[in-house]
Structure formats: structure tokens, C-alpha cells
Amino acid sequence: MKIIALTKYDFLENEINKSTKFDIILIKNFEDFYDLNISNEDKILFLQHLDSHESDEIYDELNQNNNCKFIALRNTTNNIEGCTLLKKGYKSYIHALSNISILESVIDTVNDGNTWVYPELMQFLINSIPINDTKKNTLFNELKVKELEVLELVAQGLTNSKIANTLDIAEVTVKKHISSLFKKLKVKDRLALALVYKNYVN
């Protein structure tokens, strides 16, 4: 997986350069992309700073490559734009002032084939989707009490560290519960977990 970040934003460049986990290639203009000798077979994770560049043109051109996934970064985020970009096919929408720890978490999530959104956007998405009137999911009968507690907090948009603090358990335990929830409820990401929970409690 080649990870490429397109930005002219000093803060974002500085944070990306701090990464010891990923080798992230920084470019300042989209034209520089063509100097990287990328083939159609290469898998690409493209971090696109939307405030500096024409996002539609870049997305449309690179999206022809089925091996390309996109993460959008914006100086000022808003939920409506976030929903629009996720619907278009972006795998994440985050603030351009995100530190390297958040950026690496987002890259990990998207690399795993999932979608990453910030808590407020997750809540907005959950609230904007109508309730499914079908029978409550019987899979919930298989969940342990602690898993239900974790699920409720995931649905509120809390991060793993905040869930750990709220429930007074280790963060690694939270990750194990979430992994178990993915398997039991047959979903792949936190947003899907939150939507399943919304249908369950209503």
C-alpha cells in the first residue's frame, strides 16, 4: 500500500513527517503524483487536503483506479460535507489539524477496509438515518453485558480511550469487545455498529 498525502499546509506536513509507523509520501501539487511512478496495480491510500486543491478533479481521475482509497482533510469540517464525501466514496473525513496519532489511527482503519469518522459526524449520520421498523435483531441476545455497554458508548461516538475511562477497563479490553461485536453482529465498522444499536433500542 502506497500512502500519499497531498497538502501545502505546514501543520499537516509536520504531523505526517512525525510518523514512525507509515512511510507517507508528501506531495504539494497533484502534478507531482505523476513523478512517483505509480502503476495501475499499486494499492494507493490518498490523503487529500481539500482546502488547497480541486478535489473533484483529483478524485474523479484517481477513482478510476479501483485500488485507490481516499481520506479527505478539511481546515473547517462540517457534517453535511462529510456525509456528501462519504456517500461519494471517501473512506474518511477529518480535520486538517488532526495530530499524527489520529492520522495513523485513520490510516489503520481505512487500510483494514473500514470507514473512520469523528464522533460528531457519526452522531449526525446516526440521527439522519431513519429507524428500521423490522423486528429487533435477535443477535443481541448473544451479547454479554459488558459488550452491550461498550456498544452503547460506541453508538454515542466515543473513542476507545474514552470508553475505557467511562467503564474503568483497559483500552485493549475495549478493542477486544469491539472486535467481538463486529463478529457477533456481522458488521465491519463502528458506524455500522452504531446503526445496529439505534435500530435495537428504538
Protein backbone atom coordinates (compact mmCIF):
# COMPACT_ATOMS: atom_id res chain seq x y z
CA MET A 1 0.00 0.00 0.00
CA LYS A 2 1.45 3.37 -1.05
CA ILE A 3 0.31 6.20 1.23
CA ILE A 4 0.36 9.62 -0.45
CA ALA A 5 -0.59 12.93 1.17
CA LEU A 6 -1.39 15.99 -0.92
CA THR A 7 -1.08 19.22 1.08
CA LYS A 8 0.63 22.61 1.24
CA TYR A 9 -0.40 23.02 4.87
CA ASP A 10 2.63 23.30 7.19
CA PHE A 11 0.92 21.80 10.25
CA LEU A 12 -0.24 18.76 8.31
CA GLU A 13 3.20 18.29 6.72
CA ASN A 14 4.87 18.46 10.13
CA GLU A 15 2.48 15.89 11.63
CA ILE A 16 2.89 13.50 8.70
CA ASN A 17 6.68 13.76 8.99
CA LYS A 18 6.39 12.59 12.62
CA SER A 19 5.01 9.20 11.59
CA THR A 20 7.23 6.28 12.54
CA LYS A 21 4.52 3.75 11.66
CA PHE A 22 3.96 4.60 7.98
CA ASP A 23 6.11 5.78 5.11
CA ILE A 24 3.91 8.61 3.84
CA ILE A 25 4.89 10.31 0.59
CA LEU A 26 4.21 14.07 0.70
CA ILE A 27 3.35 15.99 -2.46
CA LYS A 28 2.38 19.65 -2.74
CA ASN A 29 0.78 19.58 -6.19
CA PHE A 30 -1.23 16.88 -7.91
CA GLU A 31 1.15 17.08 -10.88
CA ASP A 32 3.84 15.63 -8.57
CA PHE A 33 1.78 12.44 -8.35
CA TYR A 34 2.82 11.51 -11.88
CA ASP A 35 6.51 11.67 -10.90
CA LEU A 36 6.01 8.85 -8.37
CA ASN A 37 5.95 6.04 -10.95
CA ILE A 38 2.67 4.61 -9.66
CA SER A 39 1.30 1.69 -11.67
CA ASN A 40 -2.37 0.70 -12.02
CA GLU A 41 -1.64 -2.39 -9.92
CA ASP A 42 -0.37 -0.38 -6.94
CA LYS A 43 -2.73 -0.01 -4.00
CA ILE A 44 -2.95 3.65 -3.01
CA LEU A 45 -4.21 5.40 0.12
CA PHE A 46 -4.59 9.06 -0.83
CA LEU A 47 -4.81 11.73 1.91
CA GLN A 48 -6.28 14.76 0.19
CA HIS A 49 -6.21 18.20 1.82
CA LEU A 50 -9.33 19.72 0.26
CA ASP A 51 -8.58 23.36 1.11
CA SER A 52 -5.60 23.58 -1.25
CA HIS A 53 -6.74 21.69 -4.32
CA GLU A 54 -9.56 20.92 -6.72
CA SER A 55 -10.97 17.86 -5.00
CA ASP A 56 -13.48 16.75 -7.65
CA GLU A 57 -10.96 16.61 -10.48
CA ILE A 58 -8.41 14.68 -8.43
CA TYR A 59 -10.98 12.25 -7.06
CA ASP A 60 -12.52 11.58 -10.46
CA GLU A 61 -9.13 10.93 -12.04
CA LEU A 62 -7.72 8.67 -9.33
CA ASN A 63 -11.00 6.91 -8.62
CA GLN A 64 -10.73 5.20 -11.99
CA ASN A 65 -8.11 3.06 -10.25
CA ASN A 66 -10.07 0.54 -8.16
CA ASN A 67 -7.05 0.16 -5.88
CA CYS A 68 -7.27 3.76 -4.60
CA LYS A 69 -8.88 4.77 -1.29
CA PHE A 70 -9.38 8.38 -0.25
CA ILE A 71 -9.16 10.25 3.06
CA ALA A 72 -10.41 13.85 2.99
CA LEU A 73 -8.90 16.52 5.25
CA ARG A 74 -10.51 19.91 5.72
CA ASN A 75 -9.44 23.02 7.69
CA THR A 76 -13.03 23.52 8.81
CA THR A 77 -15.15 20.37 8.83
CA ASN A 78 -18.93 20.26 8.64
CA ASN A 79 -21.28 17.31 8.86
CA ILE A 80 -23.12 17.96 5.59
CA GLU A 81 -19.91 17.94 3.57
CA GLY A 82 -18.74 14.88 5.49
CA CYS A 83 -21.92 12.97 4.57
CA THR A 84 -21.60 14.04 0.93
CA LEU A 85 -17.98 12.88 0.66
CA LEU A 86 -18.65 9.55 2.39
CA LYS A 87 -21.56 8.94 0.03
CA LYS A 88 -19.29 9.77 -2.90
CA GLY A 89 -16.81 7.11 -1.78
CA TYR A 90 -14.30 8.74 0.56
CA LYS A 91 -13.33 6.41 3.42
CA SER A 92 -12.77 9.14 5.99
CA TYR A 93 -13.35 12.86 6.55
CA ILE A 94 -11.20 14.50 9.21
CA HIS A 95 -9.92 17.86 10.41
CA ALA A 96 -6.62 19.01 8.89
CA LEU A 97 -5.40 19.86 12.42
CA SER A 98 -5.54 16.18 13.42
CA ASN A 99 -2.32 15.06 15.10
CA ILE A 100 -0.22 12.15 13.87
CA SER A 101 -1.79 9.76 16.38
CA ILE A 102 -5.25 10.39 14.89
CA LEU A 103 -3.91 10.27 11.33
CA GLU A 104 -2.27 6.89 11.96
CA SER A 105 -5.47 5.55 13.51
CA VAL A 106 -7.44 6.71 10.46
CA ILE A 107 -4.92 5.10 8.08
CA ASP A 108 -5.09 1.83 10.03
CA THR A 109 -8.90 1.85 9.91
CA VAL A 110 -9.10 2.58 6.19
CA ASN A 111 -6.33 0.06 5.41
CA ASP A 112 -8.50 -2.56 7.15
CA GLY A 113 -11.34 -1.79 4.75
CA ASN A 114 -13.42 0.27 7.19
CA THR A 115 -14.65 3.86 7.41
CA TRP A 116 -13.39 6.33 10.04
CA VAL A 117 -15.45 9.36 11.09
CA TYR A 118 -15.13 11.76 14.01
CA PRO A 119 -17.70 11.38 16.84
CA GLU A 120 -19.89 14.37 15.92
CA LEU A 121 -20.19 13.20 12.32
CA MET A 122 -21.03 9.69 13.49
CA GLN A 123 -23.86 11.05 15.64
CA PHE A 124 -25.10 13.18 12.74
CA LEU A 125 -25.13 10.14 10.44
CA ILE A 126 -26.96 8.03 13.02
CA ASN A 127 -29.58 10.70 13.64
CA SER A 128 -30.16 11.31 9.93
CA ILE A 129 -30.87 7.67 9.08
CA PRO A 130 -34.47 6.55 9.66
CA ILE A 131 -35.23 3.78 12.10
CA ASN A 132 -35.75 0.35 10.59
CA ASP A 133 -39.17 -0.91 11.67
CA THR A 134 -38.23 -4.55 11.29
CA LYS A 135 -38.04 -6.87 14.28
CA LYS A 136 -35.24 -6.18 16.74
CA ASN A 137 -32.04 -8.01 16.00
CA THR A 138 -32.09 -11.35 17.82
CA LEU A 139 -28.29 -11.38 17.67
CA PHE A 140 -28.35 -9.01 20.65
CA ASN A 141 -29.39 -11.97 22.82
CA GLU A 142 -25.87 -13.35 22.36
CA LEU A 143 -24.14 -10.22 23.67
CA LYS A 144 -22.60 -10.04 27.12
CA VAL A 145 -23.48 -7.18 29.47
CA LYS A 146 -20.09 -5.52 29.02
CA GLU A 147 -20.37 -5.80 25.24
CA LEU A 148 -23.74 -4.02 25.37
CA GLU A 149 -22.19 -1.28 27.49
CA VAL A 150 -19.35 -0.84 25.01
CA LEU A 151 -21.81 -0.88 22.11
CA GLU A 152 -23.90 1.89 23.66
CA LEU A 153 -20.82 4.10 24.07
CA VAL A 154 -19.63 3.36 20.52
CA ALA A 155 -23.07 4.49 19.32
CA GLN A 156 -22.54 7.75 21.23
CA GLY A 157 -19.39 8.31 19.17
CA LEU A 158 -16.89 7.82 21.99
CA THR A 159 -13.31 6.82 21.20
CA ASN A 160 -11.78 3.63 22.62
CA SER A 161 -9.85 5.59 25.25
CA LYS A 162 -13.00 7.43 26.41
CA ILE A 163 -14.94 4.15 26.55
CA ALA A 164 -12.14 2.64 28.63
CA ASN A 165 -12.23 5.58 31.05
CA THR A 166 -16.03 5.53 31.29
CA LEU A 167 -16.22 1.80 32.01
CA ASP A 168 -12.97 1.72 34.02
CA ILE A 169 -11.44 -1.01 31.87
CA ALA A 170 -8.26 -1.24 29.81
CA GLU A 171 -8.30 0.14 26.27
CA VAL A 172 -7.11 -3.23 24.96
CA THR A 173 -10.22 -4.77 26.56
CA VAL A 174 -12.40 -2.24 24.75
CA LYS A 175 -10.77 -3.27 21.45
CA LYS A 176 -11.47 -6.94 22.21
CA HIS A 177 -15.14 -6.20 22.95
CA ILE A 178 -15.49 -4.19 19.72
CA SER A 179 -13.84 -6.97 17.72
CA SER A 180 -16.29 -9.42 19.28
CA LEU A 181 -19.21 -7.10 18.46
CA PHE A 182 -18.12 -6.93 14.81
CA LYS A 183 -18.22 -10.73 14.60
CA LYS A 184 -21.45 -11.27 16.53
CA LEU A 185 -23.40 -8.50 14.81
CA LYS A 186 -21.86 -9.22 11.40
CA VAL A 187 -20.70 -5.66 10.70
CA LYS A 188 -17.32 -4.19 9.73
CA ASP A 189 -17.05 -0.73 11.28
CA ARG A 190 -18.13 1.48 14.18
CA LEU A 191 -20.76 3.36 12.18
CA ALA A 192 -22.48 0.09 11.29
CA LEU A 193 -22.36 -0.92 14.98
CA ALA A 194 -23.99 2.38 15.94
CA LEU A 195 -26.75 1.94 13.36
CA VAL A 196 -27.47 -1.60 14.54
CA TYR A 197 -27.70 -0.28 18.11
CA LYS A 198 -30.04 2.54 17.03
CA ASN A 199 -32.43 0.01 15.49
CA TYR A 200 -32.19 -2.19 18.58
CA VAL A 201 -33.08 0.47 21.15
CA ASN A 202 -35.94 2.04 19.17
